[in-house]
Amino acid sequence: MNNEYENDEVSDLLDDLINAEPACDSTMAVLFTGPDIETDEERWAREATAKAICQTRCTARAACLSYAMALDPEEGVWAGYTAEELRDVRPLLTFLPDRRANEVA
């Protein structure tokens, strides 16, 4: 898990993701995480399919991206990006806004 986040914040981000009703669900888990063994070609095809679902059918992409950036996953497709792609862009982020700043007391 990314050390910039507290456990409660990550839990809140997961709740936000679930409440956003993502296009993926537990019946599609292997599509987004992959089987234990697959060739590079199989992985690329699977990831392309998962990304297409995220990019065309998912209303939860923003929530998923926030959760993935907090989680710092080692594998899988998150918000239309592979875990490797997310790691590549992480250094480009100068800050992550405090999500609580938008909450009304």
N, C-alpha and C. Protein backbone atom coordinates (compact mmCIF):
# COMPACT_ATOMS: atom_id res chain seq x y z
N MET A 1 0.84 -1.17 0.00
CA MET A 1 0.00 0.00 0.00
C MET A 1 0.89 1.24 0.00
N ASN A 2 0.44 2.27 -0.67
CA ASN A 2 1.15 3.53 -0.74
C ASN A 2 1.16 4.17 0.65
N ASN A 3 2.34 4.54 1.13
CA ASN A 3 2.49 5.09 2.47
C ASN A 3 1.88 6.47 2.65
N GLU A 4 1.47 7.13 1.57
CA GLU A 4 0.87 8.46 1.68
C GLU A 4 -0.54 8.40 2.25
N TYR A 5 -1.12 7.24 2.34
CA TYR A 5 -2.50 7.09 2.76
C TYR A 5 -2.59 6.33 4.07
N GLU A 6 -3.55 6.70 4.88
CA GLU A 6 -3.88 5.96 6.10
C GLU A 6 -4.86 4.85 5.74
N ASN A 7 -4.94 3.82 6.56
CA ASN A 7 -5.85 2.71 6.30
C ASN A 7 -7.29 3.17 6.15
N ASP A 8 -7.73 4.13 6.98
CA ASP A 8 -9.10 4.63 6.89
C ASP A 8 -9.35 5.30 5.55
N GLU A 9 -8.35 6.02 5.04
CA GLU A 9 -8.50 6.69 3.75
C GLU A 9 -8.63 5.66 2.63
N VAL A 10 -7.83 4.62 2.69
CA VAL A 10 -7.90 3.56 1.67
C VAL A 10 -9.26 2.87 1.74
N SER A 11 -9.73 2.62 2.95
CA SER A 11 -11.05 2.00 3.13
C SER A 11 -12.14 2.90 2.56
N ASP A 12 -12.04 4.21 2.79
CA ASP A 12 -13.02 5.15 2.23
C ASP A 12 -12.96 5.15 0.70
N LEU A 13 -11.76 5.08 0.14
CA LEU A 13 -11.62 5.04 -1.32
C LEU A 13 -12.24 3.77 -1.89
N LEU A 14 -12.08 2.65 -1.19
CA LEU A 14 -12.70 1.40 -1.64
C LEU A 14 -14.21 1.52 -1.58
N ASP A 15 -14.74 2.11 -0.52
CA ASP A 15 -16.19 2.33 -0.43
C ASP A 15 -16.68 3.19 -1.58
N ASP A 16 -15.94 4.25 -1.90
CA ASP A 16 -16.30 5.12 -3.02
C ASP A 16 -16.34 4.33 -4.32
N LEU A 17 -15.35 3.46 -4.51
CA LEU A 17 -15.29 2.64 -5.72
C LEU A 17 -16.48 1.70 -5.81
N ILE A 18 -16.78 1.02 -4.74
CA ILE A 18 -17.91 0.08 -4.73
C ILE A 18 -19.21 0.83 -4.99
N ASN A 19 -19.39 1.97 -4.35
CA ASN A 19 -20.62 2.75 -4.52
C ASN A 19 -20.76 3.31 -5.92
N ALA A 20 -19.66 3.46 -6.64
CA ALA A 20 -19.70 3.98 -8.01
C ALA A 20 -20.14 2.92 -9.02
N GLU A 21 -20.36 1.71 -8.55
CA GLU A 21 -20.84 0.60 -9.39
C GLU A 21 -19.95 0.36 -10.62
N PRO A 22 -18.74 -0.12 -10.41
CA PRO A 22 -17.83 -0.35 -11.53
C PRO A 22 -18.35 -1.41 -12.49
N ALA A 23 -17.88 -1.33 -13.73
CA ALA A 23 -18.28 -2.29 -14.76
C ALA A 23 -17.73 -3.68 -14.48
N CYS A 24 -16.60 -3.75 -13.78
CA CYS A 24 -16.03 -5.05 -13.44
C CYS A 24 -16.71 -5.56 -12.17
N ASP A 25 -16.71 -6.87 -12.01
CA ASP A 25 -17.24 -7.46 -10.78
C ASP A 25 -16.50 -8.76 -10.52
N SER A 26 -16.86 -9.41 -9.43
CA SER A 26 -16.12 -10.61 -9.03
C SER A 26 -16.18 -11.72 -10.08
N THR A 27 -17.20 -11.72 -10.93
CA THR A 27 -17.27 -12.76 -11.96
C THR A 27 -16.23 -12.53 -13.06
N MET A 28 -15.68 -11.32 -13.13
CA MET A 28 -14.68 -10.99 -14.15
C MET A 28 -13.29 -10.84 -13.56
N ALA A 29 -13.08 -11.23 -12.33
CA ALA A 29 -11.82 -10.96 -11.64
C ALA A 29 -10.60 -11.42 -12.43
N VAL A 30 -10.65 -12.60 -13.00
CA VAL A 30 -9.49 -13.13 -13.72
C VAL A 30 -9.16 -12.28 -14.95
N LEU A 31 -10.15 -11.63 -15.54
CA LEU A 31 -9.90 -10.76 -16.68
C LEU A 31 -9.04 -9.56 -16.25
N PHE A 32 -9.27 -9.04 -15.08
CA PHE A 32 -8.57 -7.86 -14.61
C PHE A 32 -7.28 -8.17 -13.85
N THR A 33 -7.17 -9.38 -13.32
CA THR A 33 -5.96 -9.73 -12.56
C THR A 33 -5.11 -10.79 -13.24
N GLY A 34 -5.71 -11.59 -14.09
CA GLY A 34 -4.98 -12.61 -14.82
C GLY A 34 -4.86 -13.92 -14.08
N PRO A 35 -4.69 -15.00 -14.84
CA PRO A 35 -4.48 -16.31 -14.22
C PRO A 35 -3.05 -16.40 -13.69
N ASP A 36 -2.78 -17.45 -12.96
CA ASP A 36 -1.43 -17.64 -12.41
C ASP A 36 -0.39 -17.79 -13.51
N ILE A 37 -0.76 -18.44 -14.60
CA ILE A 37 0.18 -18.67 -15.70
C ILE A 37 -0.47 -18.24 -17.01
N GLU A 38 0.22 -17.37 -17.76
CA GLU A 38 -0.24 -16.98 -19.09
C GLU A 38 0.97 -16.49 -19.88
N THR A 39 0.89 -16.64 -21.19
CA THR A 39 1.97 -16.14 -22.04
C THR A 39 1.86 -14.62 -22.14
N ASP A 40 2.92 -13.99 -22.61
CA ASP A 40 2.88 -12.54 -22.81
C ASP A 40 1.75 -12.16 -23.75
N GLU A 41 1.58 -12.92 -24.82
CA GLU A 41 0.54 -12.62 -25.80
C GLU A 41 -0.85 -12.74 -25.16
N GLU A 42 -1.05 -13.76 -24.34
CA GLU A 42 -2.33 -13.92 -23.64
C GLU A 42 -2.56 -12.76 -22.67
N ARG A 43 -1.52 -12.35 -21.98
CA ARG A 43 -1.65 -11.23 -21.03
C ARG A 43 -1.99 -9.95 -21.77
N TRP A 44 -1.30 -9.67 -22.87
CA TRP A 44 -1.57 -8.44 -23.62
C TRP A 44 -3.02 -8.42 -24.12
N ALA A 45 -3.50 -9.55 -24.64
CA ALA A 45 -4.87 -9.62 -25.13
C ALA A 45 -5.87 -9.44 -23.98
N ARG A 46 -5.61 -10.11 -22.85
CA ARG A 46 -6.50 -10.00 -21.70
C ARG A 46 -6.54 -8.57 -21.18
N GLU A 47 -5.36 -7.95 -21.05
CA GLU A 47 -5.30 -6.58 -20.55
C GLU A 47 -5.99 -5.61 -21.51
N ALA A 48 -5.86 -5.83 -22.81
CA ALA A 48 -6.53 -4.96 -23.78
C ALA A 48 -8.04 -5.06 -23.63
N THR A 49 -8.55 -6.26 -23.40
CA THR A 49 -9.98 -6.45 -23.20
C THR A 49 -10.43 -5.76 -21.91
N ALA A 50 -9.68 -5.94 -20.84
CA ALA A 50 -10.02 -5.30 -19.56
C ALA A 50 -9.99 -3.78 -19.68
N LYS A 51 -8.96 -3.25 -20.35
CA LYS A 51 -8.86 -1.81 -20.53
C LYS A 51 -10.05 -1.27 -21.33
N ALA A 52 -10.46 -2.01 -22.35
CA ALA A 52 -11.60 -1.58 -23.17
C ALA A 52 -12.88 -1.50 -22.33
N ILE A 53 -13.07 -2.44 -21.43
CA ILE A 53 -14.23 -2.40 -20.54
C ILE A 53 -14.17 -1.15 -19.67
N CYS A 54 -13.01 -0.89 -19.10
CA CYS A 54 -12.84 0.30 -18.26
C CYS A 54 -13.12 1.58 -19.05
N GLN A 55 -12.56 1.66 -20.23
CA GLN A 55 -12.61 2.90 -21.00
C GLN A 55 -13.94 3.15 -21.68
N THR A 56 -14.74 2.12 -21.89
CA THR A 56 -15.99 2.32 -22.62
C THR A 56 -17.25 2.10 -21.80
N ARG A 57 -17.17 1.30 -20.74
CA ARG A 57 -18.39 0.94 -20.03
C ARG A 57 -18.40 1.31 -18.55
N CYS A 58 -17.31 1.84 -18.04
CA CYS A 58 -17.23 2.01 -16.59
C CYS A 58 -17.44 3.45 -16.15
N THR A 59 -18.39 3.62 -15.24
CA THR A 59 -18.66 4.94 -14.67
C THR A 59 -17.85 5.17 -13.40
N ALA A 60 -17.07 4.19 -13.00
CA ALA A 60 -16.32 4.27 -11.74
C ALA A 60 -14.83 4.51 -11.95
N ARG A 61 -14.43 4.94 -13.13
CA ARG A 61 -12.99 5.06 -13.42
C ARG A 61 -12.27 6.00 -12.47
N ALA A 62 -12.85 7.14 -12.17
CA ALA A 62 -12.17 8.10 -11.28
C ALA A 62 -11.98 7.50 -9.89
N ALA A 63 -13.02 6.86 -9.38
CA ALA A 63 -12.93 6.22 -8.06
C ALA A 63 -11.92 5.08 -8.08
N CYS A 64 -11.91 4.32 -9.16
CA CYS A 64 -10.98 3.21 -9.30
C CYS A 64 -9.54 3.71 -9.36
N LEU A 65 -9.32 4.79 -10.11
CA LEU A 65 -7.97 5.34 -10.21
C LEU A 65 -7.49 5.85 -8.85
N SER A 66 -8.35 6.53 -8.12
CA SER A 66 -7.97 7.01 -6.79
C SER A 66 -7.61 5.85 -5.88
N TYR A 67 -8.42 4.80 -5.92
CA TYR A 67 -8.16 3.63 -5.08
C TYR A 67 -6.85 2.96 -5.49
N ALA A 68 -6.64 2.81 -6.80
CA ALA A 68 -5.42 2.16 -7.28
C ALA A 68 -4.17 2.95 -6.90
N MET A 69 -4.24 4.27 -6.98
CA MET A 69 -3.08 5.08 -6.62
C MET A 69 -2.77 4.95 -5.13
N ALA A 70 -3.79 4.77 -4.31
CA ALA A 70 -3.58 4.57 -2.88
C ALA A 70 -3.07 3.16 -2.59
N LEU A 71 -3.59 2.20 -3.33
CA LEU A 71 -3.24 0.80 -3.11
C LEU A 71 -1.85 0.45 -3.64
N ASP A 72 -1.45 1.10 -4.74
CA ASP A 72 -0.17 0.83 -5.40
C ASP A 72 -0.05 -0.65 -5.76
N PRO A 73 -0.97 -1.14 -6.62
CA PRO A 73 -1.01 -2.57 -6.92
C PRO A 73 0.21 -3.07 -7.68
N GLU A 74 0.51 -4.33 -7.49
CA GLU A 74 1.62 -4.98 -8.19
C GLU A 74 1.18 -5.55 -9.53
N GLU A 75 -0.10 -5.79 -9.69
CA GLU A 75 -0.61 -6.41 -10.92
C GLU A 75 -2.04 -5.98 -11.15
N GLY A 76 -2.54 -6.33 -12.33
CA GLY A 76 -3.94 -6.08 -12.64
C GLY A 76 -4.15 -4.85 -13.49
N VAL A 77 -5.42 -4.69 -13.90
CA VAL A 77 -5.86 -3.52 -14.66
C VAL A 77 -6.77 -2.72 -13.75
N TRP A 78 -6.48 -1.44 -13.63
CA TRP A 78 -7.20 -0.53 -12.73
C TRP A 78 -7.55 0.73 -13.50
N ALA A 79 -8.81 1.07 -13.61
CA ALA A 79 -9.26 2.30 -14.27
C ALA A 79 -8.76 2.40 -15.71
N GLY A 80 -8.52 1.28 -16.33
CA GLY A 80 -8.05 1.28 -17.71
C GLY A 80 -6.55 1.32 -17.87
N TYR A 81 -5.82 1.13 -16.78
CA TYR A 81 -4.36 1.15 -16.80
C TYR A 81 -3.81 -0.09 -16.13
N THR A 82 -2.69 -0.58 -16.62
CA THR A 82 -2.05 -1.71 -15.94
C THR A 82 -1.33 -1.17 -14.70
N ALA A 83 -1.04 -2.07 -13.78
CA ALA A 83 -0.29 -1.68 -12.58
C ALA A 83 1.05 -1.07 -12.97
N GLU A 84 1.67 -1.61 -14.01
CA GLU A 84 2.95 -1.07 -14.48
C GLU A 84 2.79 0.36 -15.00
N GLU A 85 1.72 0.62 -15.75
CA GLU A 85 1.47 1.98 -16.25
C GLU A 85 1.24 2.95 -15.09
N LEU A 86 0.53 2.49 -14.07
CA LEU A 86 0.29 3.34 -12.90
C LEU A 86 1.61 3.66 -12.19
N ARG A 87 2.48 2.68 -12.07
CA ARG A 87 3.80 2.92 -11.45
C ARG A 87 4.61 3.93 -12.27
N ASP A 88 4.48 3.86 -13.60
CA ASP A 88 5.23 4.78 -14.46
C ASP A 88 4.78 6.23 -14.29
N VAL A 89 3.49 6.46 -14.04
CA VAL A 89 3.01 7.84 -13.91
C VAL A 89 3.11 8.37 -12.48
N ARG A 90 3.24 7.50 -11.51
CA ARG A 90 3.29 7.94 -10.11
C ARG A 90 4.31 9.06 -9.88
N PRO A 91 5.54 8.96 -10.41
CA PRO A 91 6.52 10.03 -10.17
C PRO A 91 6.10 11.38 -10.77
N LEU A 92 5.19 11.36 -11.74
CA LEU A 92 4.75 12.60 -12.38
C LEU A 92 3.76 13.37 -11.52
N LEU A 93 3.18 12.70 -10.54
CA LEU A 93 2.20 13.35 -9.68
C LEU A 93 2.93 14.20 -8.65
N THR A 94 2.66 15.47 -8.66
CA THR A 94 3.32 16.35 -7.69
C THR A 94 2.59 16.36 -6.37
N PHE A 95 1.29 16.09 -6.41
CA PHE A 95 0.52 15.99 -5.18
C PHE A 95 -0.78 15.26 -5.49
N LEU A 96 -1.35 14.70 -4.47
CA LEU A 96 -2.68 14.11 -4.57
C LEU A 96 -3.56 14.94 -3.65
N PRO A 97 -4.61 15.57 -4.18
CA PRO A 97 -5.44 16.42 -3.34
C PRO A 97 -6.06 15.64 -2.19
N ASP A 98 -6.19 16.31 -1.08
CA ASP A 98 -6.82 15.70 0.09
C ASP A 98 -8.30 15.59 -0.18
N ARG A 99 -8.80 14.36 -0.32
CA ARG A 99 -10.20 14.14 -0.66
C ARG A 99 -11.13 14.69 0.40
N ARG A 100 -10.65 14.82 1.63
CA ARG A 100 -11.49 15.32 2.71
C ARG A 100 -11.71 16.82 2.60
N ALA A 101 -10.91 17.51 1.81
CA ALA A 101 -11.05 18.96 1.67
C ALA A 101 -12.39 19.32 1.05
N ASN A 102 -12.98 18.40 0.30
CA ASN A 102 -14.26 18.65 -0.36
C ASN A 102 -15.46 18.23 0.46
N GLU A 103 -15.22 17.62 1.61
CA GLU A 103 -16.33 17.16 2.44
C GLU A 103 -16.89 18.31 3.25
N VAL A 104 -18.20 18.29 3.43
CA VAL A 104 -18.87 19.31 4.23
C VAL A 104 -18.98 18.80 5.65
N ALA A 105 -18.62 19.64 6.59
CA ALA A 105 -18.67 19.23 8.01
C ALA A 105 -20.09 19.22 8.52
